[in-house]
Amino acid sequence: MARPVRGDGSAADRRCRVVALVATTELADAVAPFVGAVSWPAWIWGALVGLGLIAAGIGAAAISLGPVLLWFDRD
């Protein structure tokens, strides 16, 4: 599979990058090993988002239907 190419001929890097804004060099050195550590394909991120939306929908339905279905809340 070919990588997308920019107008200047260089290949576009589509990996997820973690950007750390730090004020001290000690913190920058501590964070450095983790920058760019997660570079999963986009379809994995899409699948994770989809599963999260499904779980959120089920949770919202449970919260919404709870008062309707509970027998002791029939005031």
PDB file of N, CA and C in Angstrom:
ATOM      1  N   MET A   1       0.851  -1.180   0.000  1.00  0.00           N
ATOM      2  CA  MET A   1       0.000   0.000   0.000  1.00  0.00           C
ATOM      3  C   MET A   1       0.893   1.239   0.000  1.00  0.00           C
ATOM      4  N   ALA A   2       0.647   2.127  -0.916  1.00  0.00           N
ATOM      5  CA  ALA A   2       1.467   3.327  -1.040  1.00  0.00           C
ATOM      6  C   ALA A   2       1.078   4.358   0.013  1.00  0.00           C
ATOM      7  N   ARG A   3       2.080   5.075   0.495  1.00  0.00           N
ATOM      8  CA  ARG A   3       1.825   6.134   1.471  1.00  0.00           C
ATOM      9  C   ARG A   3       1.460   7.415   0.731  1.00  0.00           C
ATOM     10  N   PRO A   4       0.584   8.222   1.308  1.00  0.00           N
ATOM     11  CA  PRO A   4       0.239   9.499   0.674  1.00  0.00           C
ATOM     12  C   PRO A   4       1.474  10.384   0.546  1.00  0.00           C
ATOM     13  N   VAL A   5       1.540  11.101  -0.554  1.00  0.00           N
ATOM     14  CA  VAL A   5       2.694  11.957  -0.819  1.00  0.00           C
ATOM     15  C   VAL A   5       2.239  13.405  -0.821  1.00  0.00           C
ATOM     16  N   ARG A   6       3.025  14.258  -0.167  1.00  0.00           N
ATOM     17  CA  ARG A   6       2.736  15.692  -0.134  1.00  0.00           C
ATOM     18  C   ARG A   6       3.148  16.328  -1.454  1.00  0.00           C
ATOM     19  N   GLY A   7       2.810  17.579  -1.596  1.00  0.00           N
ATOM     20  CA  GLY A   7       3.149  18.315  -2.808  1.00  0.00           C
ATOM     21  C   GLY A   7       4.640  18.440  -3.048  1.00  0.00           C
ATOM     22  N   ASP A   8       5.446  18.442  -1.970  1.00  0.00           N
ATOM     23  CA  ASP A   8       6.892  18.584  -2.137  1.00  0.00           C
ATOM     24  C   ASP A   8       7.580  17.237  -2.370  1.00  0.00           C
ATOM     25  N   GLY A   9       6.805  16.149  -2.474  1.00  0.00           N
ATOM     26  CA  GLY A   9       7.379  14.840  -2.752  1.00  0.00           C
ATOM     27  C   GLY A   9       7.671  14.005  -1.528  1.00  0.00           C
ATOM     28  N   SER A  10       7.594  14.601  -0.325  1.00  0.00           N
ATOM     29  CA  SER A  10       7.865  13.835   0.890  1.00  0.00           C
ATOM     30  C   SER A  10       6.611  13.066   1.301  1.00  0.00           C
ATOM     31  N   ALA A  11       6.806  11.937   1.925  1.00  0.00           N
ATOM     32  CA  ALA A  11       5.683  11.107   2.353  1.00  0.00           C
ATOM     33  C   ALA A  11       5.037  11.709   3.598  1.00  0.00           C
ATOM     34  N   ALA A  12       3.724  11.670   3.644  1.00  0.00           N
ATOM     35  CA  ALA A  12       2.984  12.180   4.801  1.00  0.00           C
ATOM     36  C   ALA A  12       3.044  11.151   5.925  1.00  0.00           C
ATOM     37  N   ASP A  13       3.359  11.593   7.114  1.00  0.00           N
ATOM     38  CA  ASP A  13       3.415  10.711   8.274  1.00  0.00           C
ATOM     39  C   ASP A  13       2.096  10.825   9.021  1.00  0.00           C
ATOM     40  N   ARG A  14       1.262   9.789   8.955  1.00  0.00           N
ATOM     41  CA  ARG A  14      -0.075   9.829   9.527  1.00  0.00           C
ATOM     42  C   ARG A  14      -0.149   9.170  10.899  1.00  0.00           C
ATOM     43  N   ARG A  15       0.964   8.831  11.489  1.00  0.00           N
ATOM     44  CA  ARG A  15       0.934   8.199  12.803  1.00  0.00           C
ATOM     45  C   ARG A  15       0.534   9.207  13.875  1.00  0.00           C
ATOM     46  N   CYS A  16      -0.104   8.699  14.909  1.00  0.00           N
ATOM     47  CA  CYS A  16      -0.537   9.538  16.029  1.00  0.00           C
ATOM     48  C   CYS A  16       0.685   9.971  16.829  1.00  0.00           C
ATOM     49  N   ARG A  17       0.855  11.246  17.004  1.00  0.00           N
ATOM     50  CA  ARG A  17       1.977  11.783  17.768  1.00  0.00           C
ATOM     51  C   ARG A  17       1.474  12.404  19.057  1.00  0.00           C
ATOM     52  N   VAL A  18       2.180  12.152  20.124  1.00  0.00           N
ATOM     53  CA  VAL A  18       1.863  12.761  21.412  1.00  0.00           C
ATOM     54  C   VAL A  18       2.728  14.001  21.545  1.00  0.00           C
ATOM     55  N   VAL A  19       2.094  15.132  21.759  1.00  0.00           N
ATOM     56  CA  VAL A  19       2.819  16.386  21.875  1.00  0.00           C
ATOM     57  C   VAL A  19       2.844  16.781  23.344  1.00  0.00           C
ATOM     58  N   ALA A  20       4.024  16.973  23.875  1.00  0.00           N
ATOM     59  CA  ALA A  20       4.169  17.354  25.279  1.00  0.00           C
ATOM     60  C   ALA A  20       4.723  18.766  25.353  1.00  0.00           C
ATOM     61  N   LEU A  21       3.985  19.637  26.019  1.00  0.00           N
ATOM     62  CA  LEU A  21       4.450  20.996  26.257  1.00  0.00           C
ATOM     63  C   LEU A  21       4.961  21.048  27.685  1.00  0.00           C
ATOM     64  N   VAL A  22       6.246  21.274  27.837  1.00  0.00           N
ATOM     65  CA  VAL A  22       6.840  21.262  29.169  1.00  0.00           C
ATOM     66  C   VAL A  22       7.663  22.512  29.384  1.00  0.00           C
ATOM     67  N   ALA A  23       7.819  22.870  30.661  1.00  0.00           N
ATOM     68  CA  ALA A  23       8.574  24.070  30.999  1.00  0.00           C
ATOM     69  C   ALA A  23       9.989  23.749  31.440  1.00  0.00           C
ATOM     70  N   THR A  24      10.235  22.524  31.869  1.00  0.00           N
ATOM     71  CA  THR A  24      11.562  22.171  32.368  1.00  0.00           C
ATOM     72  C   THR A  24      12.156  21.045  31.542  1.00  0.00           C
ATOM     73  N   THR A  25      13.469  21.007  31.461  1.00  0.00           N
ATOM     74  CA  THR A  25      14.126  19.956  30.686  1.00  0.00           C
ATOM     75  C   THR A  25      14.045  18.604  31.384  1.00  0.00           C
ATOM     76  N   GLU A  26      13.966  18.586  32.722  1.00  0.00           N
ATOM     77  CA  GLU A  26      13.846  17.317  33.432  1.00  0.00           C
ATOM     78  C   GLU A  26      12.541  16.615  33.072  1.00  0.00           C
ATOM     79  N   LEU A  27      11.474  17.388  33.023  1.00  0.00           N
ATOM     80  CA  LEU A  27      10.188  16.811  32.661  1.00  0.00           C
ATOM     81  C   LEU A  27      10.193  16.377  31.201  1.00  0.00           C
ATOM     82  N   ALA A  28      10.827  17.157  30.349  1.00  0.00           N
ATOM     83  CA  ALA A  28      10.918  16.789  28.935  1.00  0.00           C
ATOM     84  C   ALA A  28      11.680  15.483  28.763  1.00  0.00           C
ATOM     85  N   ASP A  29      12.759  15.298  29.524  1.00  0.00           N
ATOM     86  CA  ASP A  29      13.529  14.055  29.444  1.00  0.00           C
ATOM     87  C   ASP A  29      12.730  12.870  29.985  1.00  0.00           C
ATOM     88  N   ALA A  30      11.905  13.114  31.007  1.00  0.00           N
ATOM     89  CA  ALA A  30      11.094  12.039  31.576  1.00  0.00           C
ATOM     90  C   ALA A  30       9.986  11.608  30.621  1.00  0.00           C
ATOM     91  N   VAL A  31       9.451  12.543  29.847  1.00  0.00           N
ATOM     92  CA  VAL A  31       8.343  12.260  28.937  1.00  0.00           C
ATOM     93  C   VAL A  31       8.842  11.737  27.590  1.00  0.00           C
ATOM     94  N   ALA A  32      10.076  12.006  27.234  1.00  0.00           N
ATOM     95  CA  ALA A  32      10.609  11.694  25.907  1.00  0.00           C
ATOM     96  C   ALA A  32      10.409  10.249  25.465  1.00  0.00           C
ATOM     97  N   PRO A  33      10.590   9.236  26.318  1.00  0.00           N
ATOM     98  CA  PRO A  33      10.401   7.862  25.831  1.00  0.00           C
ATOM     99  C   PRO A  33       8.970   7.537  25.408  1.00  0.00           C
ATOM    100  N   PHE A  34       7.997   8.299  25.919  1.00  0.00           N
ATOM    101  CA  PHE A  34       6.600   8.008  25.617  1.00  0.00           C
ATOM    102  C   PHE A  34       6.077   8.785  24.414  1.00  0.00           C
ATOM    103  N   VAL A  35       6.800   9.768  23.942  1.00  0.00           N
ATOM    104  CA  VAL A  35       6.350  10.566  22.802  1.00  0.00           C
ATOM    105  C   VAL A  35       6.452   9.707  21.553  1.00  0.00           C
ATOM    106  N   GLY A  36       5.360   9.576  20.852  1.00  0.00           N
ATOM    107  CA  GLY A  36       5.328   8.770  19.638  1.00  0.00           C
ATOM    108  C   GLY A  36       5.270   7.279  19.903  1.00  0.00           C
ATOM    109  N   ALA A  37       5.011   6.872  21.151  1.00  0.00           N
ATOM    110  CA  ALA A  37       4.999   5.448  21.486  1.00  0.00           C
ATOM    111  C   ALA A  37       3.777   4.735  20.911  1.00  0.00           C
ATOM    112  N   VAL A  38       2.653   5.437  20.805  1.00  0.00           N
ATOM    113  CA  VAL A  38       1.432   4.819  20.294  1.00  0.00           C
ATOM    114  C   VAL A  38       1.233   5.257  18.854  1.00  0.00           C
ATOM    115  N   SER A  39       1.407   4.327  17.945  1.00  0.00           N
ATOM    116  CA  SER A  39       1.205   4.643  16.529  1.00  0.00           C
ATOM    117  C   SER A  39       0.397   3.521  15.890  1.00  0.00           C
ATOM    118  N   TRP A  40      -0.846   3.391  16.326  1.00  0.00           N
ATOM    119  CA  TRP A  40      -1.726   2.364  15.794  1.00  0.00           C
ATOM    120  C   TRP A  40      -2.372   2.857  14.509  1.00  0.00           C
ATOM    121  N   PRO A  41      -2.823   1.939  13.663  1.00  0.00           N
ATOM    122  CA  PRO A  41      -3.528   2.337  12.439  1.00  0.00           C
ATOM    123  C   PRO A  41      -4.847   3.038  12.765  1.00  0.00           C
ATOM    124  N   ALA A  42      -5.303   3.828  11.827  1.00  0.00           N
ATOM    125  CA  ALA A  42      -6.526   4.609  12.042  1.00  0.00           C
ATOM    126  C   ALA A  42      -7.738   3.718  12.280  1.00  0.00           C
ATOM    127  N   TRP A  43      -7.786   2.536  11.666  1.00  0.00           N
ATOM    128  CA  TRP A  43      -8.962   1.683  11.840  1.00  0.00           C
ATOM    129  C   TRP A  43      -9.073   1.180  13.273  1.00  0.00           C
ATOM    130  N   ILE A  44      -7.951   1.028  13.967  1.00  0.00           N
ATOM    131  CA  ILE A  44      -8.016   0.616  15.376  1.00  0.00           C
ATOM    132  C   ILE A  44      -8.605   1.737  16.216  1.00  0.00           C
ATOM    133  N   TRP A  45      -8.151   2.977  15.971  1.00  0.00           N
ATOM    134  CA  TRP A  45      -8.719   4.117  16.694  1.00  0.00           C
ATOM    135  C   TRP A  45     -10.212   4.244  16.394  1.00  0.00           C
ATOM    136  N   GLY A  46     -10.603   4.029  15.140  1.00  0.00           N
ATOM    137  CA  GLY A  46     -12.018   4.081  14.777  1.00  0.00           C
ATOM    138  C   GLY A  46     -12.832   3.010  15.481  1.00  0.00           C
ATOM    139  N   ALA A  47     -12.266   1.800  15.575  1.00  0.00           N
ATOM    140  CA  ALA A  47     -12.958   0.712  16.269  1.00  0.00           C
ATOM    141  C   ALA A  47     -13.103   1.023  17.758  1.00  0.00           C
ATOM    142  N   LEU A  48     -12.061   1.589  18.364  1.00  0.00           N
ATOM    143  CA  LEU A  48     -12.142   1.959  19.781  1.00  0.00           C
ATOM    144  C   LEU A  48     -13.199   3.034  20.014  1.00  0.00           C
ATOM    145  N   VAL A  49     -13.253   4.015  19.136  1.00  0.00           N
ATOM    146  CA  VAL A  49     -14.269   5.071  19.263  1.00  0.00           C
ATOM    147  C   VAL A  49     -15.662   4.480  19.087  1.00  0.00           C
ATOM    148  N   GLY A  50     -15.814   3.594  18.108  1.00  0.00           N
ATOM    149  CA  GLY A  50     -17.108   2.953  17.890  1.00  0.00           C
ATOM    150  C   GLY A  50     -17.568   2.150  19.094  1.00  0.00           C
ATOM    151  N   LEU A  51     -16.658   1.369  19.679  1.00  0.00           N
ATOM    152  CA  LEU A  51     -17.008   0.601  20.878  1.00  0.00           C
ATOM    153  C   LEU A  51     -17.358   1.521  22.043  1.00  0.00           C
ATOM    154  N   GLY A  52     -16.638   2.634  22.154  1.00  0.00           N
ATOM    155  CA  GLY A  52     -16.949   3.600  23.203  1.00  0.00           C
ATOM    156  C   GLY A  52     -18.325   4.220  23.022  1.00  0.00           C
ATOM    157  N   LEU A  53     -18.681   4.519  21.781  1.00  0.00           N
ATOM    158  CA  LEU A  53     -20.006   5.080  21.514  1.00  0.00           C
ATOM    159  C   LEU A  53     -21.109   4.065  21.800  1.00  0.00           C
ATOM    160  N   ILE A  54     -20.864   2.804  21.471  1.00  0.00           N
ATOM    161  CA  ILE A  54     -21.852   1.767  21.776  1.00  0.00           C
ATOM    162  C   ILE A  54     -22.037   1.647  23.285  1.00  0.00           C
ATOM    163  N   ALA A  55     -20.945   1.609  24.028  1.00  0.00           N
ATOM    164  CA  ALA A  55     -21.028   1.513  25.487  1.00  0.00           C
ATOM    165  C   ALA A  55     -21.728   2.733  26.075  1.00  0.00           C
ATOM    166  N   ALA A  56     -21.429   3.913  25.551  1.00  0.00           N
ATOM    167  CA  ALA A  56     -22.081   5.131  26.043  1.00  0.00           C
ATOM    168  C   ALA A  56     -23.575   5.106  25.747  1.00  0.00           C
ATOM    169  N   GLY A  57     -23.956   4.608  24.582  1.00  0.00           N
ATOM    170  CA  GLY A  57     -25.374   4.507  24.240  1.00  0.00           C
ATOM    171  C   GLY A  57     -26.119   3.548  25.147  1.00  0.00           C
ATOM    172  N   ILE A  58     -25.495   2.410  25.442  1.00  0.00           N
ATOM    173  CA  ILE A  58     -26.124   1.445  26.355  1.00  0.00           C
ATOM    174  C   ILE A  58     -26.244   2.044  27.756  1.00  0.00           C
ATOM    175  N   GLY A  59     -25.217   2.751  28.197  1.00  0.00           N
ATOM    176  CA  GLY A  59     -25.280   3.408  29.504  1.00  0.00           C
ATOM    177  C   GLY A  59     -26.356   4.474  29.560  1.00  0.00           C
ATOM    178  N   ALA A  60     -26.470   5.268  28.499  1.00  0.00           N
ATOM    179  CA  ALA A  60     -27.502   6.309  28.460  1.00  0.00           C
ATOM    180  C   ALA A  60     -28.895   5.693  28.448  1.00  0.00           C
ATOM    181  N   ALA A  61     -29.062   4.594  27.729  1.00  0.00           N
ATOM    182  CA  ALA A  61     -30.364   3.921  27.710  1.00  0.00           C
ATOM    183  C   ALA A  61     -30.715   3.378  29.089  1.00  0.00           C
ATOM    184  N   ALA A  62     -29.737   2.812  29.779  1.00  0.00           N
ATOM    185  CA  ALA A  62     -29.988   2.285  31.125  1.00  0.00           C
ATOM    186  C   ALA A  62     -30.368   3.399  32.086  1.00  0.00           C
ATOM    187  N   ILE A  63     -29.691   4.534  31.979  1.00  0.00           N
ATOM    188  CA  ILE A  63     -30.005   5.673  32.849  1.00  0.00           C
ATOM    189  C   ILE A  63     -31.397   6.211  32.532  1.00  0.00           C
ATOM    190  N   SER A  64     -31.742   6.282  31.250  1.00  0.00           N
ATOM    191  CA  SER A  64     -33.045   6.819  30.852  1.00  0.00           C
ATOM    192  C   SER A  64     -34.186   5.875  31.202  1.00  0.00           C
ATOM    193  N   LEU A  65     -33.971   4.580  31.031  1.00  0.00           N
ATOM    194  CA  LEU A  65     -35.046   3.619  31.273  1.00  0.00           C
ATOM    195  C   LEU A  65     -35.142   3.187  32.731  1.00  0.00           C
ATOM    196  N   GLY A  66     -34.138   3.473  33.526  1.00  0.00           N
ATOM    197  CA  GLY A  66     -34.151   3.073  34.924  1.00  0.00           C
ATOM    198  C   GLY A  66     -35.389   3.510  35.672  1.00  0.00           C
ATOM    199  N   PRO A  67     -35.719   4.787  35.684  1.00  0.00           N
ATOM    200  CA  PRO A  67     -36.915   5.234  36.412  1.00  0.00           C
ATOM    201  C   PRO A  67     -38.212   4.663  35.846  1.00  0.00           C
ATOM    202  N   VAL A  68     -38.252   4.349  34.576  1.00  0.00           N
ATOM    203  CA  VAL A  68     -39.466   3.799  33.964  1.00  0.00           C
ATOM    204  C   VAL A  68     -39.673   2.349  34.382  1.00  0.00           C
ATOM    205  N   LEU A  69     -38.590   1.592  34.477  1.00  0.00           N
ATOM    206  CA  LEU A  69     -38.693   0.158  34.728  1.00  0.00           C
ATOM    207  C   LEU A  69     -38.659  -0.225  36.202  1.00  0.00           C
ATOM    208  N   LEU A  70     -38.239   0.672  37.075  1.00  0.00           N
ATOM    209  CA  LEU A  70     -38.146   0.327  38.493  1.00  0.00           C
ATOM    210  C   LEU A  70     -39.530   0.349  39.133  1.00  0.00           C
ATOM    211  N   TRP A  71     -39.876  -0.734  39.829  1.00  0.00           N
ATOM    212  CA  TRP A  71     -41.195  -0.852  40.422  1.00  0.00           C
ATOM    213  C   TRP A  71     -41.384   0.047  41.638  1.00  0.00           C
ATOM    214  N   PHE A  72     -40.305   0.371  42.362  1.00  0.00           N
ATOM    215  CA  PHE A  72     -40.456   1.149  43.588  1.00  0.00           C
ATOM    216  C   PHE A  72     -40.450   2.656  43.333  1.00  0.00           C
ATOM    217  N   ASP A  73     -40.393   3.064  42.096  1.00  0.00           N
ATOM    218  CA  ASP A  73     -40.376   4.486  41.761  1.00  0.00           C
ATOM    219  C   ASP A  73     -41.673   4.870  41.051  1.00  0.00           C
ATOM    220  N   ARG A  74     -42.780   4.317  41.486  1.00  0.00           N
ATOM    221  CA  ARG A  74     -44.066   4.530  40.821  1.00  0.00           C
ATOM    222  C   ARG A  74     -44.904   5.616  41.495  1.00  0.00           C
ATOM    223  N   ASP A  75     -44.301   6.590  42.115  1.00  0.00           N
ATOM    224  CA  ASP A  75     -45.047   7.643  42.824  1.00  0.00           C
ATOM    225  C   ASP A  75     -45.830   8.498  41.874  1.00  0.00           C
TER     226      ASP A  75
END
